[in-house]
Amino acid sequence: MARQLRDDIVLGRRRPGSRLVERDIAAQLNVSRLPVREAIRALVTEGIVVARPRTWAVVREYTLGDVRDFAEVRGPIETMLFVYAAERHDEAGLEGLRRVLEREEQAARDGDQAASRAAAGDFHAYMAVLASNDVLTELAGVFATRLKWIFGLHQDLQGMAASHRELFEAIEARDVELVRRLLAEHLAAGTAAAERRFGTESTSTG
């Protein structure tokens, strides 16, 4: 249940500020209200839903300041993950990353936004597998859902897949300096896109 609601938010099917009414969601999904309530609580913990006493929970609304704060945190953490992935991957791990990338590329060619965006998020998340650092993985996991939401609603599906292909090839070659350069460009582009999106949303709802 939490996964379904999380995907609805991260993939843009539930907009910032929209209400999460337990009875309505339970009726839509043909379940009792208890699992819906538990799912909402989990998403409050993950930081993408805001609980409001004596009324409905709502999907969190982020500001441009939030985007920039998360970008500052995202940069160092993801750089470490990608660099360690380049240095430490084995063949099995690399093959797993290749499958994620190919899934993203196929979805992008098909114009399937939800599948392409989900696979793009999985590409970044898979670096924790290759990096083999439990502490860093745990730290990245604290922000994972919010980062996927803030930076994951890109429109250029094929451009994103192409950028990930370049990163994959640099990781495969264990070219750490190239990984650093490509990732810096990749994250900067993602931050700029998120700033435009949340700036527009803030203007239209504020």
Protein backbone atom coordinates (compact mmCIF):
# COMPACT_ATOMS: atom_id res chain seq x y z
CA MET A 1 0.00 0.00 0.00
CA ALA A 2 2.76 2.45 0.93
CA ARG A 3 4.59 1.56 -2.27
CA GLN A 4 1.53 2.31 -4.40
CA LEU A 5 0.92 5.69 -2.79
CA ARG A 6 4.63 6.47 -2.91
CA ASP A 7 4.75 5.71 -6.63
CA ASP A 8 1.66 7.86 -7.21
CA ILE A 9 3.45 10.81 -5.60
CA VAL A 10 6.94 10.25 -6.97
CA LEU A 11 5.66 9.70 -10.52
CA GLY A 12 3.42 12.77 -10.39
CA ARG A 13 0.02 11.11 -10.26
CA ARG A 14 -0.75 12.86 -6.95
CA ARG A 15 0.20 16.52 -7.02
CA PRO A 16 1.80 18.60 -4.26
CA GLY A 17 -0.89 19.89 -1.93
CA SER A 18 -3.42 17.23 -2.89
CA ARG A 19 -5.36 15.63 -0.03
CA LEU A 20 -4.94 12.01 0.98
CA VAL A 21 -8.38 11.07 2.31
CA GLU A 22 -8.27 7.63 3.90
CA ARG A 23 -11.83 6.62 3.10
CA ASP A 24 -11.54 7.72 -0.53
CA ILE A 25 -8.24 5.92 -1.09
CA ALA A 26 -9.57 2.80 0.63
CA ALA A 27 -12.62 2.83 -1.62
CA GLN A 28 -10.52 3.35 -4.75
CA LEU A 29 -8.25 0.44 -3.90
CA ASN A 30 -10.96 -1.77 -2.36
CA VAL A 31 -9.15 -2.15 0.97
CA SER A 32 -9.89 -1.22 4.58
CA ARG A 33 -8.82 2.13 5.96
CA LEU A 34 -6.20 0.62 8.30
CA PRO A 35 -3.55 -0.21 5.65
CA VAL A 36 -4.16 3.21 4.06
CA ARG A 37 -3.62 4.90 7.42
CA GLU A 38 -0.40 2.94 7.98
CA ALA A 39 0.83 3.77 4.48
CA ILE A 40 0.22 7.48 5.01
CA ARG A 41 2.14 7.35 8.29
CA ALA A 42 5.07 5.70 6.51
CA LEU A 43 5.10 8.42 3.86
CA VAL A 44 5.02 11.11 6.54
CA THR A 45 8.19 9.53 7.94
CA GLU A 46 9.75 9.56 4.46
CA GLY A 47 9.03 13.27 4.18
CA ILE A 48 6.74 13.38 1.16
CA VAL A 49 3.42 13.63 3.04
CA VAL A 50 2.46 16.13 5.73
CA ALA A 51 0.08 15.09 8.52
CA ARG A 52 -2.38 17.75 9.59
CA PRO A 53 -4.15 17.24 12.94
CA ARG A 54 -7.92 16.81 12.73
CA THR A 55 -7.93 16.97 8.96
CA TRP A 56 -6.54 15.16 5.90
CA ALA A 57 -2.90 14.48 5.25
CA VAL A 58 -1.59 16.19 2.11
CA VAL A 59 1.19 15.60 -0.37
CA ARG A 60 4.07 17.82 0.67
CA GLU A 61 4.68 21.04 -1.24
CA TYR A 62 8.35 21.84 -1.75
CA THR A 63 9.85 25.25 -2.38
CA LEU A 64 12.80 26.34 -4.50
CA GLY A 65 14.75 26.57 -1.25
CA ASP A 66 13.98 22.93 -0.52
CA VAL A 67 15.15 21.93 -3.99
CA ARG A 68 18.45 23.73 -3.52
CA ASP A 69 18.96 22.32 -0.02
CA PHE A 70 18.42 18.78 -1.27
CA ALA A 71 20.68 19.39 -4.25
CA GLU A 72 23.47 20.38 -1.85
CA VAL A 73 23.03 17.10 0.03
CA ARG A 74 22.51 15.03 -3.08
CA GLY A 75 25.71 16.10 -4.79
CA PRO A 76 28.29 14.79 -2.30
CA ILE A 77 26.35 11.61 -1.49
CA GLU A 78 25.70 10.62 -5.09
CA THR A 79 29.24 11.50 -6.11
CA MET A 80 30.59 9.09 -3.51
CA LEU A 81 28.15 6.39 -4.58
CA PHE A 82 28.97 6.72 -8.28
CA VAL A 83 32.73 6.88 -7.68
CA TYR A 84 32.69 3.82 -5.44
CA ALA A 85 30.47 2.06 -7.97
CA ALA A 86 33.09 2.72 -10.65
CA GLU A 87 35.91 1.51 -8.43
CA ARG A 88 34.26 -1.50 -6.80
CA HIS A 89 31.73 -3.04 -9.18
CA ASP A 90 31.95 -6.68 -10.21
CA GLU A 91 30.55 -8.31 -13.34
CA ALA A 92 27.33 -9.44 -11.69
CA GLY A 93 26.65 -5.96 -10.34
CA LEU A 94 27.43 -4.34 -13.66
CA GLU A 95 25.06 -6.71 -15.43
CA GLY A 96 22.31 -5.74 -12.99
CA LEU A 97 22.90 -2.06 -13.74
CA ARG A 98 22.86 -2.81 -17.47
CA ARG A 99 19.42 -4.40 -17.15
CA VAL A 100 18.09 -1.34 -15.31
CA LEU A 101 19.51 0.95 -18.00
CA GLU A 102 18.09 -1.13 -20.84
CA ARG A 103 14.68 -1.05 -19.16
CA GLU A 104 14.90 2.75 -18.99
CA GLU A 105 16.01 3.03 -22.61
CA GLN A 106 13.17 0.82 -23.84
CA ALA A 107 10.58 2.75 -21.85
CA ALA A 108 11.99 6.03 -23.19
CA ARG A 109 11.71 4.76 -26.77
CA ASP A 110 8.14 3.69 -26.06
CA GLY A 111 7.32 7.10 -24.58
CA ASP A 112 6.25 5.45 -21.31
CA GLN A 113 6.90 8.27 -18.84
CA ALA A 114 6.08 6.35 -15.67
CA ALA A 115 8.23 3.34 -16.53
CA SER A 116 11.11 5.47 -17.83
CA ARG A 117 11.15 7.70 -14.76
CA ALA A 118 10.93 4.73 -12.42
CA ALA A 119 13.85 3.02 -14.15
CA ALA A 120 15.86 6.26 -14.07
CA GLY A 121 15.36 6.39 -10.31
CA ASP A 122 16.37 2.74 -10.05
CA PHE A 123 19.56 3.52 -12.00
CA HIS A 124 20.65 5.98 -9.33
CA ALA A 125 19.51 3.74 -6.49
CA TYR A 126 21.48 0.80 -7.89
CA MET A 127 24.74 2.64 -7.22
CA ALA A 128 24.33 1.66 -3.58
CA VAL A 129 24.54 -1.99 -4.65
CA LEU A 130 27.76 -1.42 -6.59
CA ALA A 131 29.34 0.88 -4.00
CA SER A 132 29.26 -1.78 -1.24
CA ASN A 133 29.23 0.65 1.66
CA ASP A 134 26.47 -0.06 4.17
CA VAL A 135 26.77 3.26 6.00
CA LEU A 136 26.59 5.27 2.79
CA THR A 137 23.67 3.14 1.60
CA GLU A 138 21.80 3.81 4.84
CA LEU A 139 22.50 7.53 4.62
CA ALA A 140 21.32 7.69 1.01
CA GLY A 141 18.19 5.74 1.93
CA VAL A 142 17.07 8.46 4.33
CA PHE A 143 16.58 10.86 1.41
CA ALA A 144 15.83 8.39 -1.39
CA THR A 145 12.09 8.96 -1.81
CA ARG A 146 12.31 12.74 -1.62
CA LEU A 147 15.19 12.84 -4.09
CA LYS A 148 13.31 10.66 -6.57
CA TRP A 149 10.31 12.94 -6.33
CA ILE A 150 12.09 16.28 -6.49
CA PHE A 151 14.52 15.35 -9.26
CA GLY A 152 12.70 12.50 -10.98
CA LEU A 153 9.88 14.13 -12.96
CA HIS A 154 12.02 14.88 -16.00
CA GLN A 155 10.38 15.36 -19.40
CA ASP A 156 13.26 14.46 -21.72
CA LEU A 157 13.08 10.69 -21.35
CA GLN A 158 15.54 9.86 -24.11
CA GLY A 159 17.96 12.57 -23.04
CA MET A 160 17.99 11.19 -19.50
CA ALA A 161 18.52 7.65 -20.77
CA ALA A 162 21.40 8.84 -22.96
CA SER A 163 23.02 10.57 -19.98
CA HIS A 164 22.70 7.38 -17.95
CA ARG A 165 24.24 5.40 -20.84
CA GLU A 166 27.29 7.68 -20.73
CA LEU A 167 27.58 7.22 -16.99
CA PHE A 168 27.22 3.47 -17.33
CA GLU A 169 30.03 3.27 -19.86
CA ALA A 170 32.30 5.39 -17.64
CA ILE A 171 31.52 3.16 -14.65
CA GLU A 172 32.14 0.05 -16.74
CA ALA A 173 35.55 1.47 -17.74
CA ARG A 174 36.32 2.39 -14.10
CA ASP A 175 37.09 5.91 -15.34
CA VAL A 176 36.59 7.78 -12.08
CA GLU A 177 37.44 11.23 -13.40
CA LEU A 178 34.99 10.87 -16.28
CA VAL A 179 32.34 9.63 -13.86
CA ARG A 180 32.87 12.73 -11.71
CA ARG A 181 32.60 15.08 -14.69
CA LEU A 182 29.56 13.41 -16.23
CA LEU A 183 27.78 13.15 -12.89
CA ALA A 184 28.38 16.81 -12.05
CA GLU A 185 26.81 17.81 -15.38
CA HIS A 186 23.97 15.32 -14.88
CA LEU A 187 23.11 16.52 -11.38
CA ALA A 188 23.33 20.19 -12.39
CA ALA A 189 20.88 19.60 -15.23
CA GLY A 190 18.53 17.75 -12.87
CA THR A 191 18.65 20.55 -10.33
CA ALA A 192 17.93 23.19 -12.99
CA ALA A 193 14.92 21.19 -14.23
CA ALA A 194 13.60 20.74 -10.68
CA GLU A 195 14.00 24.45 -9.96
CA ARG A 196 12.00 25.29 -13.07
CA ARG A 197 9.27 22.81 -12.17
CA PHE A 198 8.89 23.76 -8.53
CA GLY A 199 9.21 27.45 -9.35
CA THR A 200 6.31 27.12 -11.77
CA GLU A 201 4.25 25.13 -9.28
CA SER A 202 4.93 27.64 -6.51
CA THR A 203 3.85 30.49 -8.77
CA SER A 204 0.68 28.73 -9.88
CA THR A 205 -0.38 27.64 -6.40
CA GLY A 206 0.96 30.50 -4.30
